[in-house]
N, C-alpha and C. Protein backbone atom coordinates (compact mmCIF):
# COMPACT_ATOMS: atom_id res chain seq x y z
N MET A 1 -9.23 -9.69 17.19
CA MET A 1 -9.35 -8.72 16.11
C MET A 1 -7.99 -8.27 15.60
N THR A 2 -7.05 -8.09 16.52
CA THR A 2 -5.72 -7.65 16.11
C THR A 2 -5.04 -8.68 15.23
N CYS A 3 -5.21 -9.95 15.56
CA CYS A 3 -4.60 -11.02 14.78
C CYS A 3 -5.16 -11.03 13.36
N ALA A 4 -6.46 -10.89 13.22
CA ALA A 4 -7.08 -10.86 11.89
C ALA A 4 -6.60 -9.65 11.11
N CYS A 5 -6.48 -8.53 11.80
CA CYS A 5 -6.00 -7.31 11.17
C CYS A 5 -4.55 -7.48 10.71
N TYR A 6 -3.75 -8.09 11.55
CA TYR A 6 -2.33 -8.33 11.25
C TYR A 6 -2.19 -9.22 10.01
N VAL A 7 -2.96 -10.30 9.96
CA VAL A 7 -2.93 -11.21 8.82
C VAL A 7 -3.43 -10.51 7.56
N ALA A 8 -4.53 -9.77 7.68
CA ALA A 8 -5.11 -9.08 6.52
C ALA A 8 -4.12 -8.06 5.94
N ILE A 9 -3.48 -7.30 6.81
CA ILE A 9 -2.51 -6.30 6.34
C ILE A 9 -1.34 -6.97 5.65
N ASN A 10 -0.83 -8.04 6.22
CA ASN A 10 0.29 -8.75 5.59
C ASN A 10 -0.10 -9.32 4.23
N LEU A 11 -1.28 -9.91 4.13
CA LEU A 11 -1.73 -10.45 2.84
C LEU A 11 -1.93 -9.33 1.82
N LEU A 12 -2.55 -8.25 2.26
CA LEU A 12 -2.77 -7.11 1.37
C LEU A 12 -1.46 -6.57 0.83
N LEU A 13 -0.51 -6.35 1.73
CA LEU A 13 0.79 -5.81 1.31
C LEU A 13 1.57 -6.79 0.44
N LEU A 14 1.48 -8.06 0.75
CA LEU A 14 2.17 -9.06 -0.05
C LEU A 14 1.61 -9.11 -1.47
N LEU A 15 0.29 -9.10 -1.58
CA LEU A 15 -0.34 -9.15 -2.91
C LEU A 15 -0.10 -7.88 -3.72
N THR A 16 -0.31 -6.73 -3.10
CA THR A 16 -0.13 -5.49 -3.86
C THR A 16 1.34 -5.23 -4.17
N GLY A 17 2.23 -5.58 -3.23
CA GLY A 17 3.66 -5.42 -3.48
C GLY A 17 4.14 -6.31 -4.61
N ALA A 18 3.69 -7.58 -4.58
CA ALA A 18 4.08 -8.50 -5.65
C ALA A 18 3.51 -8.04 -7.00
N ALA A 19 2.28 -7.53 -6.99
CA ALA A 19 1.68 -7.04 -8.23
C ALA A 19 2.46 -5.86 -8.80
N LYS A 20 2.89 -4.95 -7.94
CA LYS A 20 3.67 -3.81 -8.41
C LYS A 20 5.03 -4.26 -8.95
N LEU A 21 5.67 -5.18 -8.25
CA LEU A 21 6.96 -5.68 -8.74
C LEU A 21 6.78 -6.42 -10.06
N TYR A 22 5.71 -7.20 -10.18
CA TYR A 22 5.42 -7.90 -11.43
C TYR A 22 5.19 -6.91 -12.56
N SER A 23 4.50 -5.81 -12.26
CA SER A 23 4.22 -4.80 -13.29
C SER A 23 5.50 -4.20 -13.86
N THR A 24 6.56 -4.15 -13.07
CA THR A 24 7.82 -3.56 -13.56
C THR A 24 8.46 -4.38 -14.66
N THR A 25 8.05 -5.65 -14.79
CA THR A 25 8.62 -6.51 -15.82
C THR A 25 7.91 -6.36 -17.16
N GLY A 26 6.83 -5.58 -17.17
CA GLY A 26 6.04 -5.42 -18.39
C GLY A 26 6.71 -4.51 -19.41
N THR A 27 6.05 -4.42 -20.55
CA THR A 27 6.58 -3.60 -21.64
C THR A 27 5.62 -2.47 -22.02
N ASP A 28 4.56 -2.26 -21.24
CA ASP A 28 3.61 -1.20 -21.55
C ASP A 28 4.31 0.15 -21.55
N ALA A 29 3.87 1.01 -22.44
CA ALA A 29 4.49 2.33 -22.58
C ALA A 29 4.40 3.17 -21.32
N ILE A 30 3.34 2.99 -20.54
CA ILE A 30 3.17 3.80 -19.33
C ILE A 30 4.33 3.65 -18.35
N LEU A 31 4.99 2.52 -18.37
CA LEU A 31 6.11 2.30 -17.44
C LEU A 31 7.26 3.27 -17.69
N GLY A 32 7.35 3.80 -18.89
CA GLY A 32 8.40 4.76 -19.21
C GLY A 32 7.99 6.21 -19.03
N TYR A 33 6.70 6.45 -18.78
CA TYR A 33 6.21 7.82 -18.59
C TYR A 33 6.64 8.36 -17.24
N THR A 34 6.74 9.68 -17.18
CA THR A 34 7.11 10.35 -15.93
C THR A 34 5.85 10.67 -15.13
N ASP A 35 5.89 10.31 -13.87
CA ASP A 35 4.78 10.59 -12.97
C ASP A 35 4.71 12.09 -12.69
N PRO A 36 3.52 12.70 -12.77
CA PRO A 36 3.41 14.14 -12.55
C PRO A 36 3.61 14.56 -11.09
N VAL A 37 3.45 13.66 -10.16
CA VAL A 37 3.60 14.00 -8.74
C VAL A 37 5.05 13.88 -8.30
N LEU A 38 5.69 12.77 -8.61
CA LEU A 38 7.05 12.51 -8.12
C LEU A 38 8.15 12.86 -9.11
N GLY A 39 7.81 12.97 -10.38
CA GLY A 39 8.80 13.36 -11.38
C GLY A 39 9.75 12.26 -11.80
N ILE A 40 9.42 11.00 -11.50
CA ILE A 40 10.23 9.88 -11.96
C ILE A 40 9.33 8.91 -12.72
N ASN A 41 9.93 7.99 -13.47
CA ASN A 41 9.09 7.11 -14.29
C ASN A 41 8.35 6.08 -13.44
N TYR A 42 7.23 5.63 -13.99
CA TYR A 42 6.36 4.71 -13.24
C TYR A 42 7.04 3.40 -12.91
N ARG A 43 7.90 2.93 -13.78
CA ARG A 43 8.59 1.66 -13.49
C ARG A 43 9.35 1.77 -12.16
N MET A 44 10.04 2.89 -11.96
CA MET A 44 10.80 3.09 -10.72
C MET A 44 9.87 3.23 -9.53
N ILE A 45 8.75 3.93 -9.71
CA ILE A 45 7.78 4.08 -8.62
C ILE A 45 7.24 2.72 -8.21
N PHE A 46 6.86 1.89 -9.19
CA PHE A 46 6.32 0.56 -8.87
C PHE A 46 7.38 -0.30 -8.19
N LEU A 47 8.62 -0.16 -8.62
CA LEU A 47 9.71 -0.93 -8.01
C LEU A 47 9.92 -0.52 -6.55
N VAL A 48 9.96 0.77 -6.29
CA VAL A 48 10.18 1.26 -4.93
C VAL A 48 8.97 0.96 -4.04
N ALA A 49 7.76 1.24 -4.53
CA ALA A 49 6.55 1.02 -3.72
C ALA A 49 6.36 -0.47 -3.45
N GLY A 50 6.52 -1.30 -4.48
CA GLY A 50 6.38 -2.75 -4.29
C GLY A 50 7.43 -3.28 -3.34
N GLY A 51 8.66 -2.80 -3.47
CA GLY A 51 9.73 -3.21 -2.57
C GLY A 51 9.44 -2.79 -1.13
N ALA A 52 8.90 -1.59 -0.94
CA ALA A 52 8.56 -1.12 0.40
C ALA A 52 7.45 -1.97 1.01
N GLU A 53 6.49 -2.37 0.20
CA GLU A 53 5.41 -3.20 0.70
C GLU A 53 5.91 -4.59 1.10
N ILE A 54 6.75 -5.18 0.27
CA ILE A 54 7.32 -6.50 0.59
C ILE A 54 8.23 -6.40 1.81
N ALA A 55 9.02 -5.34 1.91
CA ALA A 55 9.90 -5.14 3.06
C ALA A 55 9.08 -4.98 4.35
N THR A 56 7.94 -4.32 4.26
CA THR A 56 7.08 -4.16 5.42
C THR A 56 6.56 -5.51 5.89
N VAL A 57 6.14 -6.36 4.95
CA VAL A 57 5.69 -7.71 5.31
C VAL A 57 6.83 -8.47 5.99
N TYR A 58 8.02 -8.39 5.42
CA TYR A 58 9.19 -9.07 5.98
C TYR A 58 9.44 -8.62 7.41
N LEU A 59 9.40 -7.30 7.65
CA LEU A 59 9.64 -6.78 8.99
C LEU A 59 8.51 -7.16 9.95
N MET A 60 7.27 -7.11 9.47
CA MET A 60 6.15 -7.47 10.34
C MET A 60 6.19 -8.94 10.75
N LEU A 61 6.61 -9.79 9.83
CA LEU A 61 6.70 -11.21 10.16
C LEU A 61 7.94 -11.52 10.98
N GLY A 62 9.01 -10.79 10.73
CA GLY A 62 10.26 -11.04 11.45
C GLY A 62 10.31 -10.44 12.84
N LEU A 63 9.56 -9.36 13.05
CA LEU A 63 9.56 -8.67 14.34
C LEU A 63 8.12 -8.48 14.83
N PRO A 64 7.38 -9.56 15.02
CA PRO A 64 5.94 -9.44 15.27
C PRO A 64 5.56 -8.67 16.53
N ARG A 65 6.42 -8.59 17.51
CA ARG A 65 6.07 -7.90 18.76
C ARG A 65 6.67 -6.50 18.85
N HIS A 66 7.38 -6.10 17.84
CA HIS A 66 8.03 -4.79 17.84
C HIS A 66 7.04 -3.70 17.43
N SER A 67 7.20 -2.52 17.99
CA SER A 67 6.29 -1.40 17.69
C SER A 67 6.27 -1.04 16.22
N ILE A 68 7.36 -1.30 15.51
CA ILE A 68 7.42 -0.94 14.10
C ILE A 68 6.36 -1.68 13.28
N CYS A 69 5.95 -2.83 13.74
CA CYS A 69 4.93 -3.61 13.04
C CYS A 69 3.60 -2.88 12.99
N PHE A 70 3.36 -2.01 13.96
CA PHE A 70 2.11 -1.28 14.01
C PHE A 70 2.23 0.07 13.30
N LEU A 71 3.45 0.54 13.17
CA LEU A 71 3.66 1.85 12.57
C LEU A 71 3.84 1.79 11.05
N LEU A 72 4.55 0.78 10.55
CA LEU A 72 4.84 0.71 9.12
C LEU A 72 3.61 0.68 8.22
N PRO A 73 2.60 -0.15 8.50
CA PRO A 73 1.42 -0.12 7.63
C PRO A 73 0.74 1.25 7.63
N GLY A 74 0.70 1.89 8.78
CA GLY A 74 0.11 3.23 8.85
C GLY A 74 0.91 4.23 8.05
N TRP A 75 2.24 4.13 8.15
CA TRP A 75 3.10 5.02 7.38
C TRP A 75 2.87 4.83 5.88
N LEU A 76 2.80 3.57 5.44
CA LEU A 76 2.52 3.31 4.02
C LEU A 76 1.15 3.85 3.63
N GLY A 77 0.16 3.65 4.49
CA GLY A 77 -1.18 4.17 4.21
C GLY A 77 -1.17 5.69 4.04
N VAL A 78 -0.46 6.37 4.93
CA VAL A 78 -0.36 7.83 4.83
C VAL A 78 0.35 8.23 3.54
N CYS A 79 1.43 7.53 3.21
CA CYS A 79 2.15 7.83 1.96
C CYS A 79 1.24 7.64 0.74
N PHE A 80 0.50 6.54 0.71
CA PHE A 80 -0.36 6.25 -0.43
C PHE A 80 -1.51 7.25 -0.53
N ILE A 81 -2.10 7.62 0.61
CA ILE A 81 -3.19 8.59 0.59
C ILE A 81 -2.68 9.96 0.19
N THR A 82 -1.52 10.36 0.70
CA THR A 82 -0.92 11.64 0.31
C THR A 82 -0.64 11.67 -1.19
N TYR A 83 -0.09 10.58 -1.71
CA TYR A 83 0.17 10.51 -3.15
C TYR A 83 -1.14 10.66 -3.93
N ARG A 84 -2.19 9.96 -3.47
CA ARG A 84 -3.49 10.03 -4.15
C ARG A 84 -4.03 11.46 -4.18
N VAL A 85 -3.96 12.13 -3.03
CA VAL A 85 -4.46 13.51 -2.97
C VAL A 85 -3.67 14.39 -3.92
N LEU A 86 -2.35 14.28 -3.91
CA LEU A 86 -1.52 15.07 -4.82
C LEU A 86 -1.82 14.72 -6.28
N TRP A 87 -2.05 13.44 -6.56
CA TRP A 87 -2.40 13.00 -7.92
C TRP A 87 -3.69 13.66 -8.36
N TRP A 88 -4.70 13.61 -7.49
CA TRP A 88 -6.01 14.19 -7.85
C TRP A 88 -5.93 15.70 -8.01
N LEU A 89 -5.07 16.36 -7.25
CA LEU A 89 -4.89 17.80 -7.42
C LEU A 89 -4.20 18.11 -8.76
N GLU A 90 -3.30 17.25 -9.15
CA GLU A 90 -2.56 17.43 -10.40
C GLU A 90 -3.40 17.05 -11.62
N ARG A 91 -4.14 15.96 -11.50
CA ARG A 91 -4.94 15.43 -12.60
C ARG A 91 -6.33 15.04 -12.09
N PRO A 92 -7.20 16.03 -11.90
CA PRO A 92 -8.51 15.74 -11.28
C PRO A 92 -9.36 14.75 -12.07
N ALA A 93 -9.21 14.70 -13.37
CA ALA A 93 -10.03 13.79 -14.17
C ALA A 93 -9.32 12.46 -14.46
N GLY A 94 -8.06 12.37 -14.09
CA GLY A 94 -7.29 11.17 -14.40
C GLY A 94 -7.38 10.11 -13.32
N TYR A 95 -6.95 8.92 -13.66
CA TYR A 95 -6.94 7.81 -12.72
C TYR A 95 -5.51 7.46 -12.37
N CYS A 96 -5.31 7.11 -11.14
CA CYS A 96 -3.98 6.74 -10.65
C CYS A 96 -3.59 5.37 -11.22
N PRO A 97 -2.41 5.27 -11.80
CA PRO A 97 -1.95 3.98 -12.32
C PRO A 97 -1.27 3.14 -11.24
N CYS A 98 -1.89 3.05 -10.09
CA CYS A 98 -1.27 2.49 -8.88
C CYS A 98 -0.75 1.06 -9.01
N MET A 99 -1.39 0.25 -9.78
CA MET A 99 -0.97 -1.14 -9.88
C MET A 99 -0.34 -1.44 -11.23
N GLY A 100 0.02 -0.41 -11.93
CA GLY A 100 0.71 -0.62 -13.20
C GLY A 100 -0.16 -1.36 -14.21
N THR A 101 0.42 -2.33 -14.85
CA THR A 101 -0.27 -3.04 -15.93
C THR A 101 -1.16 -4.17 -15.41
N LEU A 102 -1.12 -4.43 -14.11
CA LEU A 102 -1.91 -5.53 -13.56
C LEU A 102 -3.41 -5.29 -13.70
N THR A 103 -3.85 -4.05 -13.54
CA THR A 103 -5.29 -3.79 -13.64
C THR A 103 -5.81 -4.12 -15.03
N THR A 104 -5.01 -3.89 -16.03
CA THR A 104 -5.39 -4.26 -17.40
C THR A 104 -5.44 -5.78 -17.53
N ALA A 105 -4.47 -6.45 -16.95
CA ALA A 105 -4.39 -7.91 -17.05
C ALA A 105 -5.58 -8.60 -16.37
N ILE A 106 -6.09 -8.01 -15.27
CA ILE A 106 -7.22 -8.63 -14.57
C ILE A 106 -8.55 -7.99 -14.95
N HIS A 107 -8.53 -7.14 -15.97
CA HIS A 107 -9.73 -6.51 -16.52
C HIS A 107 -10.47 -5.67 -15.48
N LEU A 108 -9.72 -4.85 -14.75
CA LEU A 108 -10.29 -3.95 -13.77
C LEU A 108 -10.25 -2.54 -14.37
N SER A 109 -11.40 -1.88 -14.41
CA SER A 109 -11.46 -0.55 -15.02
C SER A 109 -10.64 0.44 -14.19
N PRO A 110 -10.12 1.50 -14.83
CA PRO A 110 -9.33 2.49 -14.09
C PRO A 110 -10.11 3.12 -12.94
N SER A 111 -11.40 3.40 -13.15
CA SER A 111 -12.18 4.02 -12.07
C SER A 111 -12.36 3.05 -10.90
N SER A 112 -12.63 1.79 -11.19
CA SER A 112 -12.78 0.79 -10.13
C SER A 112 -11.45 0.60 -9.39
N ALA A 113 -10.36 0.53 -10.13
CA ALA A 113 -9.04 0.37 -9.51
C ALA A 113 -8.72 1.56 -8.62
N SER A 114 -9.05 2.74 -9.06
CA SER A 114 -8.77 3.94 -8.28
C SER A 114 -9.50 3.92 -6.94
N VAL A 115 -10.78 3.58 -6.97
CA VAL A 115 -11.57 3.50 -5.74
C VAL A 115 -11.05 2.37 -4.84
N LEU A 116 -10.79 1.22 -5.44
CA LEU A 116 -10.33 0.06 -4.67
C LEU A 116 -9.02 0.35 -3.96
N PHE A 117 -8.06 0.93 -4.65
CA PHE A 117 -6.75 1.13 -4.05
C PHE A 117 -6.73 2.29 -3.06
N PHE A 118 -7.63 3.25 -3.21
CA PHE A 118 -7.77 4.27 -2.17
C PHE A 118 -8.34 3.64 -0.91
N PHE A 119 -9.33 2.77 -1.08
CA PHE A 119 -9.91 2.05 0.05
C PHE A 119 -8.85 1.18 0.73
N LEU A 120 -8.01 0.52 -0.04
CA LEU A 120 -6.96 -0.33 0.55
C LEU A 120 -5.96 0.51 1.35
N ALA A 121 -5.66 1.72 0.88
CA ALA A 121 -4.77 2.60 1.65
C ALA A 121 -5.42 2.99 2.97
N LEU A 122 -6.72 3.23 2.94
CA LEU A 122 -7.44 3.53 4.19
C LEU A 122 -7.43 2.33 5.13
N VAL A 123 -7.54 1.12 4.57
CA VAL A 123 -7.48 -0.10 5.39
C VAL A 123 -6.12 -0.21 6.08
N LEU A 124 -5.05 0.11 5.36
CA LEU A 124 -3.71 0.08 5.98
C LEU A 124 -3.64 1.05 7.16
N LEU A 125 -4.15 2.23 6.94
CA LEU A 125 -4.11 3.25 7.99
C LEU A 125 -4.96 2.85 9.19
N ALA A 126 -6.19 2.42 8.93
CA ALA A 126 -7.09 2.02 10.01
C ALA A 126 -6.58 0.76 10.73
N GLY A 127 -6.07 -0.19 9.98
CA GLY A 127 -5.53 -1.41 10.58
C GLY A 127 -4.35 -1.12 11.47
N SER A 128 -3.50 -0.23 11.03
CA SER A 128 -2.34 0.15 11.83
C SER A 128 -2.78 0.80 13.13
N ALA A 129 -3.75 1.70 13.04
CA ALA A 129 -4.27 2.36 14.24
C ALA A 129 -4.91 1.35 15.19
N LEU A 130 -5.66 0.42 14.64
CA LEU A 130 -6.32 -0.61 15.46
C LEU A 130 -5.29 -1.49 16.17
N MET A 131 -4.26 -1.89 15.46
CA MET A 131 -3.22 -2.72 16.09
C MET A 131 -2.48 -1.95 17.17
N ALA A 132 -2.17 -0.67 16.92
CA ALA A 132 -1.48 0.14 17.91
C ALA A 132 -2.36 0.34 19.15
N TYR A 133 -3.64 0.60 18.94
CA TYR A 133 -4.56 0.78 20.07
C TYR A 133 -4.67 -0.51 20.88
N SER A 134 -4.78 -1.63 20.20
CA SER A 134 -4.89 -2.92 20.87
C SER A 134 -3.64 -3.20 21.68
N ARG A 135 -2.50 -2.91 21.11
CA ARG A 135 -1.24 -3.14 21.83
C ARG A 135 -1.15 -2.24 23.06
N ARG A 136 -1.58 -1.01 22.92
CA ARG A 136 -1.57 -0.07 24.04
C ARG A 136 -2.50 -0.56 25.15
N SER A 137 -3.67 -1.05 24.76
CA SER A 137 -4.63 -1.58 25.73
C SER A 137 -4.06 -2.80 26.45
N GLN A 138 -3.37 -3.65 25.73
CA GLN A 138 -2.77 -4.85 26.34
C GLN A 138 -1.67 -4.48 27.34
N ARG A 139 -0.91 -3.45 27.01
CA ARG A 139 0.15 -3.01 27.92
C ARG A 139 -0.44 -2.38 29.17
N ALA A 140 -1.54 -1.65 29.00
CA ALA A 140 -2.17 -0.99 30.14
C ALA A 140 -2.87 -2.00 31.05
N ASN A 141 -3.35 -3.10 30.48
CA ASN A 141 -4.07 -4.11 31.25
C ASN A 141 -3.54 -5.49 30.86
N PRO A 142 -2.41 -5.91 31.39
CA PRO A 142 -1.76 -7.16 30.96
C PRO A 142 -2.55 -8.43 31.29
N THR A 143 -3.59 -8.36 32.12
CA THR A 143 -4.35 -9.56 32.47
C THR A 143 -5.37 -9.93 31.43
N ARG A 144 -5.61 -9.07 30.45
CA ARG A 144 -6.61 -9.34 29.39
C ARG A 144 -6.16 -10.38 28.45
């Protein structure tokens, strides 16, 4: 189960990180707007978030047995969920532009994208917890 979780998290982060980085190359007006939660423009947010996701994949693949591999996806999940909650408090009727212009390109409605990406943040958090628990169990019982 841990292996499947590890692969799923890496694929998820690679795809969403690449999508965010790709979105920064667009010309949509929203990329120049200021985010109400962080106070910086969306292009910079997508660049930083996408870079963090790709860096997490790099670290997870480069240091597969290190504890950081189990903590980073959870940390990203917490960051994304916290951002979502703050976004909803700031704009209760609005949708999070989490994937930039990609949702428009793949014809995904804002409401569907909002639900999907909140679910993906929960998957990161749950997957991280599952991997950490599995690692703890393996250390406690090395014969398994």
